[in-house]
Amino acid sequence: MQIDDASADVRATFRNTEKYDVDDAPAYFEKVQIKLEIVSPASGDQVKRLAAHAERACHAAQSLRHPIPVVLETALNGAALTD
C-alpha cells in the first residue's frame, strides 16, 4: 500500500496528585490517545485495515491494554539493594 506521508500525535492524561501533595495515590495514565494522519491514494478501508494491523503489533499499546507486573531491581555499586 502506498503511503505518501504519515504522522502520529500521541497524547495522554494522567493522575498525578501525589506530586502536588494532594494525596498518596500513585501516578498513572487515565487515557492515551493516538491520532494518525495518513496521506495516501489508498482507500479508507485499506488504511483502516493497515492501522488495525499495526496496532495489534504495537507492544506499547498492547502492554497498556493488559496490565503486567513491573519489577524494580536496584543496585548500588554493583550490589543489589533489598528490602
N, C-alpha and C. Protein backbone atom coordinates (compact mmCIF):
# COMPACT_ATOMS: atom_id res chain seq x y z
N MET A 1 0.85 -1.18 0.00
CA MET A 1 0.00 0.00 0.00
C MET A 1 0.89 1.23 0.00
N GLN A 2 0.59 2.16 -0.85
CA GLN A 2 1.38 3.39 -0.94
C GLN A 2 0.96 4.38 0.16
N ILE A 3 1.97 4.86 0.90
CA ILE A 3 1.74 5.91 1.89
C ILE A 3 2.70 7.03 1.56
N ASP A 4 2.16 8.20 1.26
CA ASP A 4 2.99 9.35 0.90
C ASP A 4 3.52 10.08 2.13
N ASP A 5 2.74 10.09 3.19
CA ASP A 5 3.16 10.74 4.43
C ASP A 5 2.32 10.18 5.57
N ALA A 6 2.91 10.16 6.74
CA ALA A 6 2.19 9.68 7.92
C ALA A 6 2.76 10.36 9.15
N SER A 7 1.87 10.67 10.08
CA SER A 7 2.31 11.23 11.36
C SER A 7 1.37 10.73 12.45
N ALA A 8 1.88 10.73 13.66
CA ALA A 8 1.09 10.32 14.81
C ALA A 8 1.21 11.38 15.89
N ASP A 9 0.09 11.77 16.44
CA ASP A 9 0.04 12.69 17.58
C ASP A 9 -0.41 11.86 18.77
N VAL A 10 0.47 11.68 19.75
CA VAL A 10 0.18 10.84 20.91
C VAL A 10 0.05 11.74 22.13
N ARG A 11 -1.08 11.64 22.80
CA ARG A 11 -1.32 12.45 24.00
C ARG A 11 -1.83 11.55 25.11
N ALA A 12 -1.56 11.95 26.33
CA ALA A 12 -2.01 11.16 27.47
C ALA A 12 -2.50 12.09 28.57
N THR A 13 -3.49 11.62 29.28
CA THR A 13 -3.91 12.29 30.51
C THR A 13 -3.57 11.34 31.64
N PHE A 14 -3.17 11.90 32.75
CA PHE A 14 -2.77 11.04 33.86
C PHE A 14 -3.07 11.69 35.19
N ARG A 15 -3.22 10.85 36.17
CA ARG A 15 -3.43 11.29 37.55
C ARG A 15 -2.06 11.43 38.19
N ASN A 16 -1.82 12.55 38.82
CA ASN A 16 -0.52 12.79 39.42
C ASN A 16 -0.68 13.65 40.68
N THR A 17 -1.64 13.30 41.51
CA THR A 17 -1.95 14.14 42.67
C THR A 17 -0.89 14.05 43.77
N GLU A 18 -0.20 12.92 43.86
CA GLU A 18 0.84 12.79 44.89
C GLU A 18 1.94 13.83 44.68
N LYS A 19 2.27 14.12 43.42
CA LYS A 19 3.31 15.10 43.12
C LYS A 19 3.01 16.45 43.76
N TYR A 20 1.73 16.80 43.82
CA TYR A 20 1.32 18.10 44.36
C TYR A 20 0.87 17.99 45.81
N ASP A 21 1.17 16.87 46.45
CA ASP A 21 0.89 16.65 47.87
C ASP A 21 -0.60 16.71 48.18
N VAL A 22 -1.43 16.29 47.21
CA VAL A 22 -2.87 16.25 47.43
C VAL A 22 -3.26 14.98 48.18
N ASP A 23 -2.64 13.86 47.80
CA ASP A 23 -2.90 12.58 48.44
C ASP A 23 -1.72 11.66 48.18
N ASP A 24 -1.86 10.40 48.56
CA ASP A 24 -0.77 9.43 48.39
C ASP A 24 -0.99 8.51 47.20
N ALA A 25 -1.95 8.81 46.34
CA ALA A 25 -2.23 7.95 45.19
C ALA A 25 -1.07 8.00 44.20
N PRO A 26 -0.60 6.85 43.73
CA PRO A 26 0.50 6.85 42.77
C PRO A 26 0.04 7.44 41.43
N ALA A 27 0.99 7.93 40.67
CA ALA A 27 0.68 8.48 39.34
C ALA A 27 0.35 7.34 38.38
N TYR A 28 -0.61 7.55 37.50
CA TYR A 28 -0.94 6.56 36.47
C TYR A 28 -1.67 7.24 35.32
N PHE A 29 -1.55 6.64 34.14
CA PHE A 29 -2.27 7.14 32.97
C PHE A 29 -3.76 6.87 33.13
N GLU A 30 -4.57 7.84 32.75
CA GLU A 30 -6.01 7.65 32.70
C GLU A 30 -6.45 7.34 31.27
N LYS A 31 -5.74 7.92 30.29
CA LYS A 31 -6.09 7.70 28.89
C LYS A 31 -4.89 8.03 28.02
N VAL A 32 -4.70 7.24 26.96
CA VAL A 32 -3.71 7.52 25.93
C VAL A 32 -4.48 7.61 24.62
N GLN A 33 -4.28 8.69 23.88
CA GLN A 33 -4.99 8.89 22.62
C GLN A 33 -3.97 9.06 21.50
N ILE A 34 -4.15 8.31 20.43
CA ILE A 34 -3.25 8.36 19.28
C ILE A 34 -4.07 8.82 18.07
N LYS A 35 -3.63 9.89 17.44
CA LYS A 35 -4.29 10.38 16.23
C LYS A 35 -3.33 10.18 15.07
N LEU A 36 -3.72 9.33 14.11
CA LEU A 36 -2.91 9.08 12.93
C LEU A 36 -3.39 9.95 11.78
N GLU A 37 -2.46 10.57 11.09
CA GLU A 37 -2.75 11.35 9.88
C GLU A 37 -2.03 10.66 8.74
N ILE A 38 -2.77 10.15 7.78
CA ILE A 38 -2.22 9.40 6.65
C ILE A 38 -2.51 10.16 5.36
N VAL A 39 -1.50 10.29 4.51
CA VAL A 39 -1.68 10.82 3.17
C VAL A 39 -1.36 9.67 2.22
N SER A 40 -2.38 9.24 1.46
CA SER A 40 -2.22 8.06 0.61
C SER A 40 -3.32 8.03 -0.44
N PRO A 41 -3.03 7.47 -1.61
CA PRO A 41 -4.09 7.26 -2.59
C PRO A 41 -4.94 6.03 -2.27
N ALA A 42 -4.61 5.31 -1.23
CA ALA A 42 -5.34 4.09 -0.85
C ALA A 42 -6.74 4.45 -0.36
N SER A 43 -7.59 3.44 -0.33
CA SER A 43 -8.96 3.65 0.14
C SER A 43 -9.00 3.73 1.67
N GLY A 44 -10.07 4.27 2.19
CA GLY A 44 -10.25 4.34 3.64
C GLY A 44 -10.25 2.97 4.28
N ASP A 45 -10.87 1.99 3.62
CA ASP A 45 -10.90 0.63 4.16
C ASP A 45 -9.49 0.04 4.24
N GLN A 46 -8.66 0.28 3.22
CA GLN A 46 -7.29 -0.23 3.24
C GLN A 46 -6.50 0.39 4.39
N VAL A 47 -6.66 1.70 4.58
CA VAL A 47 -5.93 2.39 5.64
C VAL A 47 -6.41 1.92 7.01
N LYS A 48 -7.71 1.73 7.19
CA LYS A 48 -8.23 1.22 8.46
C LYS A 48 -7.68 -0.16 8.77
N ARG A 49 -7.62 -1.04 7.77
CA ARG A 49 -7.09 -2.39 7.98
C ARG A 49 -5.61 -2.34 8.35
N LEU A 50 -4.84 -1.48 7.67
CA LEU A 50 -3.42 -1.35 7.99
C LEU A 50 -3.21 -0.81 9.40
N ALA A 51 -3.99 0.21 9.78
CA ALA A 51 -3.85 0.80 11.12
C ALA A 51 -4.22 -0.22 12.19
N ALA A 52 -5.26 -1.02 11.97
CA ALA A 52 -5.66 -2.03 12.94
C ALA A 52 -4.57 -3.10 13.07
N HIS A 53 -3.99 -3.50 11.95
CA HIS A 53 -2.90 -4.49 11.98
C HIS A 53 -1.70 -3.95 12.74
N ALA A 54 -1.32 -2.70 12.47
CA ALA A 54 -0.18 -2.08 13.15
C ALA A 54 -0.43 -1.97 14.64
N GLU A 55 -1.65 -1.63 15.02
CA GLU A 55 -1.97 -1.50 16.45
C GLU A 55 -1.87 -2.85 17.16
N ARG A 56 -2.32 -3.91 16.51
CA ARG A 56 -2.22 -5.24 17.12
C ARG A 56 -0.76 -5.64 17.34
N ALA A 57 0.14 -5.15 16.50
CA ALA A 57 1.56 -5.49 16.60
C ALA A 57 2.35 -4.53 17.50
N CYS A 58 1.70 -3.50 18.02
CA CYS A 58 2.38 -2.48 18.83
C CYS A 58 2.53 -2.96 20.27
N HIS A 59 3.76 -3.22 20.69
CA HIS A 59 4.00 -3.71 22.05
C HIS A 59 3.54 -2.71 23.11
N ALA A 60 3.75 -1.42 22.86
CA ALA A 60 3.36 -0.41 23.84
C ALA A 60 1.84 -0.38 24.02
N ALA A 61 1.09 -0.34 22.93
CA ALA A 61 -0.37 -0.30 23.03
C ALA A 61 -0.91 -1.55 23.71
N GLN A 62 -0.40 -2.71 23.34
CA GLN A 62 -0.88 -3.95 23.93
C GLN A 62 -0.53 -4.04 25.41
N SER A 63 0.65 -3.57 25.79
CA SER A 63 1.05 -3.60 27.20
C SER A 63 0.17 -2.68 28.04
N LEU A 64 -0.22 -1.54 27.50
CA LEU A 64 -1.09 -0.63 28.25
C LEU A 64 -2.50 -1.22 28.39
N ARG A 65 -2.93 -2.01 27.44
CA ARG A 65 -4.27 -2.63 27.50
C ARG A 65 -4.32 -3.81 28.46
N HIS A 66 -3.19 -4.44 28.68
CA HIS A 66 -3.13 -5.64 29.52
C HIS A 66 -2.11 -5.40 30.62
N PRO A 67 -2.58 -5.02 31.80
CA PRO A 67 -1.63 -4.72 32.88
C PRO A 67 -0.67 -5.88 33.14
N ILE A 68 0.57 -5.54 33.40
CA ILE A 68 1.60 -6.52 33.67
C ILE A 68 2.35 -6.10 34.92
N PRO A 69 2.99 -7.05 35.59
CA PRO A 69 3.81 -6.68 36.75
C PRO A 69 5.00 -5.83 36.31
N VAL A 70 5.33 -4.86 37.11
CA VAL A 70 6.53 -4.05 36.89
C VAL A 70 7.44 -4.30 38.08
N VAL A 71 8.66 -4.73 37.80
CA VAL A 71 9.60 -5.10 38.85
C VAL A 71 10.78 -4.14 38.81
N LEU A 72 11.09 -3.53 39.94
CA LEU A 72 12.25 -2.64 40.06
C LEU A 72 13.33 -3.36 40.84
N GLU A 73 14.49 -3.50 40.24
CA GLU A 73 15.65 -4.07 40.91
C GLU A 73 16.71 -2.97 40.96
N THR A 74 17.12 -2.60 42.16
CA THR A 74 18.07 -1.51 42.34
C THR A 74 19.40 -2.06 42.84
N ALA A 75 20.49 -1.58 42.23
CA ALA A 75 21.82 -1.98 42.67
C ALA A 75 22.61 -0.72 43.00
N LEU A 76 23.45 -0.82 44.00
CA LEU A 76 24.35 0.27 44.41
C LEU A 76 25.77 -0.26 44.34
N ASN A 77 26.56 0.35 43.49
CA ASN A 77 27.95 -0.07 43.32
C ASN A 77 28.07 -1.57 43.05
N GLY A 78 27.14 -2.09 42.24
CA GLY A 78 27.18 -3.48 41.85
C GLY A 78 26.51 -4.44 42.80
N ALA A 79 26.07 -3.98 43.97
CA ALA A 79 25.40 -4.85 44.95
C ALA A 79 23.91 -4.55 44.97
N ALA A 80 23.12 -5.63 44.92
CA ALA A 80 21.68 -5.47 44.94
C ALA A 80 21.21 -4.89 46.27
N LEU A 81 20.29 -3.94 46.18
CA LEU A 81 19.66 -3.39 47.38
C LEU A 81 18.36 -4.16 47.60
N THR A 82 18.18 -4.69 48.77
CA THR A 82 16.97 -5.45 49.08
C THR A 82 16.19 -4.73 50.18
N ASP A 83 14.97 -5.17 50.36
CA ASP A 83 14.10 -4.56 51.39
C ASP A 83 14.62 -4.83 52.77
